Amino acid sequence: MLTMTQAKDIRKMYFEEGKNISEIARETGHDRKTVRGYLDKDNWNEEPPKVKKEAAISLTHTSRTLIPGLSRIRKPCVSKGTRQNEYTTGW
């Protein structure tokens, strides 16, 4: 985001000095699309759109999705004769 002074300088170069967008971009070091955006902007008090936050995904769900085979690791033993707190690697 540019400062108001930079935005005013860009608008001055275009509207008062008659420079084209490519010249302004070269002189200021900003991208052509950035220069165009600041020239097209009329309402400077407009609030930017709010970004919706996605629902949090549990770490176990994410890890299992990203790392194949992780669901087989550290699952509780259900075979007969084992204690409830023991875990197996599933390999």
N, C-alpha and C. Protein backbone atom coordinates (compact mmCIF):
# COMPACT_ATOMS: atom_id res chain seq x y z
N MET A 1 0.85 -1.17 0.00
CA MET A 1 0.00 0.00 0.00
C MET A 1 0.90 1.24 0.00
N LEU A 2 0.52 2.19 -0.80
CA LEU A 2 1.29 3.42 -0.91
C LEU A 2 0.82 4.44 0.12
N THR A 3 1.70 5.37 0.45
CA THR A 3 1.29 6.45 1.34
C THR A 3 0.45 7.44 0.53
N MET A 4 -0.24 8.31 1.23
CA MET A 4 -1.08 9.30 0.54
C MET A 4 -0.21 10.23 -0.32
N THR A 5 0.98 10.55 0.14
CA THR A 5 1.88 11.41 -0.63
C THR A 5 2.26 10.74 -1.94
N GLN A 6 2.58 9.45 -1.89
CA GLN A 6 2.94 8.72 -3.10
C GLN A 6 1.76 8.65 -4.06
N ALA A 7 0.57 8.41 -3.52
CA ALA A 7 -0.63 8.34 -4.36
C ALA A 7 -0.89 9.70 -5.01
N LYS A 8 -0.73 10.78 -4.25
CA LYS A 8 -0.93 12.13 -4.81
C LYS A 8 0.10 12.42 -5.89
N ASP A 9 1.35 11.99 -5.68
CA ASP A 9 2.40 12.20 -6.68
C ASP A 9 2.06 11.47 -7.99
N ILE A 10 1.57 10.25 -7.87
CA ILE A 10 1.19 9.47 -9.05
C ILE A 10 0.06 10.16 -9.80
N ARG A 11 -0.95 10.61 -9.06
CA ARG A 11 -2.08 11.29 -9.69
C ARG A 11 -1.64 12.61 -10.34
N LYS A 12 -0.72 13.31 -9.70
CA LYS A 12 -0.21 14.57 -10.24
C LYS A 12 0.55 14.31 -11.55
N MET A 13 1.40 13.28 -11.56
CA MET A 13 2.16 12.94 -12.76
C MET A 13 1.24 12.64 -13.93
N TYR A 14 0.14 11.95 -13.65
CA TYR A 14 -0.77 11.52 -14.71
C TYR A 14 -1.68 12.67 -15.17
N PHE A 15 -2.35 13.31 -14.22
CA PHE A 15 -3.37 14.30 -14.58
C PHE A 15 -2.80 15.69 -14.89
N GLU A 16 -1.75 16.10 -14.21
CA GLU A 16 -1.21 17.44 -14.42
C GLU A 16 -0.01 17.45 -15.37
N GLU A 17 0.89 16.48 -15.23
CA GLU A 17 2.08 16.47 -16.06
C GLU A 17 1.89 15.71 -17.37
N GLY A 18 0.80 14.95 -17.47
CA GLY A 18 0.46 14.26 -18.71
C GLY A 18 1.30 13.01 -19.00
N LYS A 19 1.92 12.43 -18.00
CA LYS A 19 2.72 11.22 -18.21
C LYS A 19 1.81 10.00 -18.31
N ASN A 20 2.24 9.02 -19.07
CA ASN A 20 1.42 7.81 -19.16
C ASN A 20 1.77 6.84 -18.03
N ILE A 21 0.99 5.80 -17.91
CA ILE A 21 1.11 4.86 -16.78
C ILE A 21 2.48 4.16 -16.78
N SER A 22 2.96 3.78 -17.94
CA SER A 22 4.26 3.10 -18.01
C SER A 22 5.39 4.01 -17.55
N GLU A 23 5.33 5.28 -17.93
CA GLU A 23 6.36 6.23 -17.49
C GLU A 23 6.33 6.42 -15.98
N ILE A 24 5.15 6.53 -15.44
CA ILE A 24 5.00 6.71 -13.99
C ILE A 24 5.52 5.48 -13.25
N ALA A 25 5.18 4.31 -13.76
CA ALA A 25 5.63 3.06 -13.14
C ALA A 25 7.16 2.98 -13.15
N ARG A 26 7.78 3.35 -14.26
CA ARG A 26 9.23 3.33 -14.37
C ARG A 26 9.87 4.30 -13.38
N GLU A 27 9.33 5.51 -13.30
CA GLU A 27 9.90 6.55 -12.44
C GLU A 27 9.73 6.25 -10.95
N THR A 28 8.58 5.72 -10.58
CA THR A 28 8.30 5.49 -9.16
C THR A 28 8.78 4.12 -8.68
N GLY A 29 8.94 3.18 -9.61
CA GLY A 29 9.36 1.84 -9.23
C GLY A 29 8.21 0.95 -8.82
N HIS A 30 6.98 1.41 -9.03
CA HIS A 30 5.80 0.61 -8.71
C HIS A 30 5.32 -0.11 -9.95
N ASP A 31 4.59 -1.20 -9.75
CA ASP A 31 4.05 -1.96 -10.86
C ASP A 31 3.00 -1.13 -11.60
N ARG A 32 2.88 -1.38 -12.90
CA ARG A 32 1.89 -0.70 -13.73
C ARG A 32 0.47 -0.84 -13.19
N LYS A 33 0.14 -2.05 -12.71
CA LYS A 33 -1.21 -2.31 -12.20
C LYS A 33 -1.48 -1.53 -10.92
N THR A 34 -0.44 -1.34 -10.12
CA THR A 34 -0.58 -0.55 -8.89
C THR A 34 -0.85 0.90 -9.25
N VAL A 35 -0.10 1.42 -10.20
CA VAL A 35 -0.30 2.81 -10.66
C VAL A 35 -1.72 2.98 -11.19
N ARG A 36 -2.16 2.03 -12.02
CA ARG A 36 -3.51 2.08 -12.59
C ARG A 36 -4.56 2.07 -11.48
N GLY A 37 -4.36 1.24 -10.48
CA GLY A 37 -5.31 1.14 -9.37
C GLY A 37 -5.45 2.45 -8.61
N TYR A 38 -4.34 3.14 -8.40
CA TYR A 38 -4.40 4.41 -7.68
C TYR A 38 -4.96 5.52 -8.56
N LEU A 39 -4.84 5.41 -9.86
CA LEU A 39 -5.45 6.40 -10.75
C LEU A 39 -6.96 6.21 -10.85
N ASP A 40 -7.39 4.96 -10.79
CA ASP A 40 -8.82 4.65 -10.91
C ASP A 40 -9.60 4.86 -9.62
N LYS A 41 -8.90 4.93 -8.50
CA LYS A 41 -9.57 5.01 -7.20
C LYS A 41 -10.19 6.39 -7.01
N ASP A 42 -11.50 6.42 -6.73
CA ASP A 42 -12.20 7.68 -6.51
C ASP A 42 -12.49 7.92 -5.03
N ASN A 43 -12.95 6.88 -4.33
CA ASN A 43 -13.34 7.01 -2.94
C ASN A 43 -12.20 6.51 -2.05
N TRP A 44 -11.50 7.42 -1.41
CA TRP A 44 -10.35 7.05 -0.58
C TRP A 44 -10.77 6.63 0.83
N ASN A 45 -12.03 6.80 1.18
CA ASN A 45 -12.52 6.45 2.52
C ASN A 45 -13.21 5.09 2.54
N GLU A 46 -13.21 4.41 1.43
CA GLU A 46 -13.86 3.12 1.33
C GLU A 46 -13.11 2.07 2.15
N GLU A 47 -13.85 1.28 2.94
CA GLU A 47 -13.21 0.23 3.73
C GLU A 47 -12.95 -0.99 2.87
N PRO A 48 -11.81 -1.65 3.07
CA PRO A 48 -11.53 -2.86 2.30
C PRO A 48 -12.49 -3.97 2.69
N PRO A 49 -12.77 -4.91 1.79
CA PRO A 49 -13.70 -6.00 2.12
C PRO A 49 -13.14 -6.87 3.23
N LYS A 50 -14.04 -7.34 4.09
CA LYS A 50 -13.66 -8.21 5.21
C LYS A 50 -13.39 -9.62 4.68
N VAL A 51 -12.35 -10.24 5.19
CA VAL A 51 -12.00 -11.60 4.81
C VAL A 51 -12.60 -12.54 5.84
N LYS A 52 -13.36 -13.52 5.36
CA LYS A 52 -13.96 -14.49 6.27
C LYS A 52 -12.90 -15.48 6.71
N LYS A 53 -12.87 -15.74 8.00
CA LYS A 53 -11.94 -16.74 8.52
C LYS A 53 -12.56 -18.11 8.35
N GLU A 54 -11.75 -19.05 7.87
CA GLU A 54 -12.24 -20.41 7.71
C GLU A 54 -12.28 -21.10 9.06
N ALA A 55 -13.13 -22.08 9.16
CA ALA A 55 -13.23 -22.84 10.41
C ALA A 55 -11.91 -23.53 10.68
N ALA A 56 -11.55 -23.58 11.93
CA ALA A 56 -10.29 -24.21 12.32
C ALA A 56 -10.39 -25.72 12.08
N ILE A 57 -9.35 -26.26 11.52
CA ILE A 57 -9.29 -27.70 11.27
C ILE A 57 -8.38 -28.31 12.33
N SER A 58 -8.80 -29.42 12.88
CA SER A 58 -7.98 -30.03 13.92
C SER A 58 -6.66 -30.51 13.34
N LEU A 59 -5.63 -30.51 14.16
CA LEU A 59 -4.30 -30.90 13.72
C LEU A 59 -4.27 -32.34 13.24
N THR A 60 -5.00 -33.21 13.92
CA THR A 60 -4.96 -34.62 13.52
C THR A 60 -5.57 -34.78 12.14
N HIS A 61 -6.64 -34.06 11.85
CA HIS A 61 -7.27 -34.16 10.53
C HIS A 61 -6.31 -33.64 9.45
N THR A 62 -5.68 -32.51 9.72
CA THR A 62 -4.75 -31.92 8.76
C THR A 62 -3.55 -32.82 8.55
N SER A 63 -2.97 -33.33 9.63
CA SER A 63 -1.78 -34.16 9.50
C SER A 63 -2.10 -35.44 8.74
N ARG A 64 -3.21 -36.02 9.00
CA ARG A 64 -3.56 -37.26 8.31
C ARG A 64 -3.75 -37.01 6.82
N THR A 65 -4.26 -35.83 6.49
CA THR A 65 -4.46 -35.51 5.09
C THR A 65 -3.12 -35.25 4.41
N LEU A 66 -2.23 -34.55 5.07
CA LEU A 66 -0.97 -34.16 4.44
C LEU A 66 0.09 -35.24 4.47
N ILE A 67 0.05 -36.10 5.47
CA ILE A 67 1.08 -37.13 5.60
C ILE A 67 0.43 -38.50 5.44
N PRO A 68 0.63 -39.14 4.28
CA PRO A 68 0.01 -40.44 4.07
C PRO A 68 0.49 -41.47 5.09
N GLY A 69 -0.41 -42.27 5.56
CA GLY A 69 -0.04 -43.32 6.50
C GLY A 69 -0.06 -42.89 7.94
N LEU A 70 -0.25 -41.60 8.21
CA LEU A 70 -0.23 -41.13 9.59
C LEU A 70 -1.40 -41.69 10.38
N SER A 71 -2.50 -41.97 9.71
CA SER A 71 -3.65 -42.50 10.43
C SER A 71 -3.35 -43.89 11.00
N ARG A 72 -2.34 -44.59 10.41
CA ARG A 72 -1.98 -45.91 10.93
C ARG A 72 -1.06 -45.82 12.13
N ILE A 73 -0.50 -44.68 12.38
CA ILE A 73 0.44 -44.52 13.48
C ILE A 73 -0.31 -44.10 14.74
N ARG A 74 0.09 -44.64 15.85
CA ARG A 74 -0.43 -44.28 17.17
C ARG A 74 -1.94 -44.47 17.30
N LYS A 75 -2.47 -45.56 16.76
CA LYS A 75 -3.87 -45.83 17.05
C LYS A 75 -3.96 -46.82 18.20
N PRO A 76 -4.97 -46.71 19.00
CA PRO A 76 -5.08 -47.57 20.16
C PRO A 76 -5.19 -49.05 19.77
N CYS A 77 -4.55 -49.90 20.58
CA CYS A 77 -4.64 -51.34 20.37
C CYS A 77 -6.03 -51.81 20.80
N VAL A 78 -6.63 -52.59 19.98
CA VAL A 78 -7.94 -53.12 20.34
C VAL A 78 -7.92 -54.65 20.40
N SER A 79 -6.74 -55.22 20.18
CA SER A 79 -6.67 -56.68 20.22
C SER A 79 -6.83 -57.17 21.66
N LYS A 80 -7.22 -58.41 21.78
CA LYS A 80 -7.52 -59.00 23.07
C LYS A 80 -6.25 -59.13 23.92
N GLY A 81 -6.36 -58.83 25.20
CA GLY A 81 -5.28 -59.03 26.13
C GLY A 81 -4.33 -57.85 26.27
N THR A 82 -4.58 -56.73 25.63
CA THR A 82 -3.69 -55.56 25.77
C THR A 82 -4.34 -54.55 26.71
N ARG A 83 -3.49 -53.74 27.32
CA ARG A 83 -4.03 -52.70 28.19
C ARG A 83 -4.62 -51.58 27.35
N GLN A 84 -5.49 -50.82 27.94
CA GLN A 84 -6.21 -49.76 27.24
C GLN A 84 -5.27 -48.63 26.77
N ASN A 85 -4.19 -48.32 27.52
CA ASN A 85 -3.34 -47.18 27.19
C ASN A 85 -2.21 -47.51 26.22
N GLU A 86 -2.07 -48.74 25.78
CA GLU A 86 -1.00 -49.09 24.85
C GLU A 86 -1.36 -48.67 23.43
N TYR A 87 -0.30 -48.32 22.69
CA TYR A 87 -0.50 -47.90 21.30
C TYR A 87 0.33 -48.76 20.39
N THR A 88 -0.06 -48.84 19.15
CA THR A 88 0.68 -49.61 18.16
C THR A 88 1.01 -48.70 16.97
N THR A 89 2.04 -49.10 16.24
CA THR A 89 2.40 -48.29 15.07
C THR A 89 1.58 -48.66 13.86
N GLY A 90 0.98 -49.80 13.84
CA GLY A 90 0.13 -50.20 12.72
C GLY A 90 0.88 -50.71 11.51
N TRP A 91 2.17 -50.93 11.63
CA TRP A 91 2.95 -51.38 10.47
C TRP A 91 2.97 -52.84 10.40
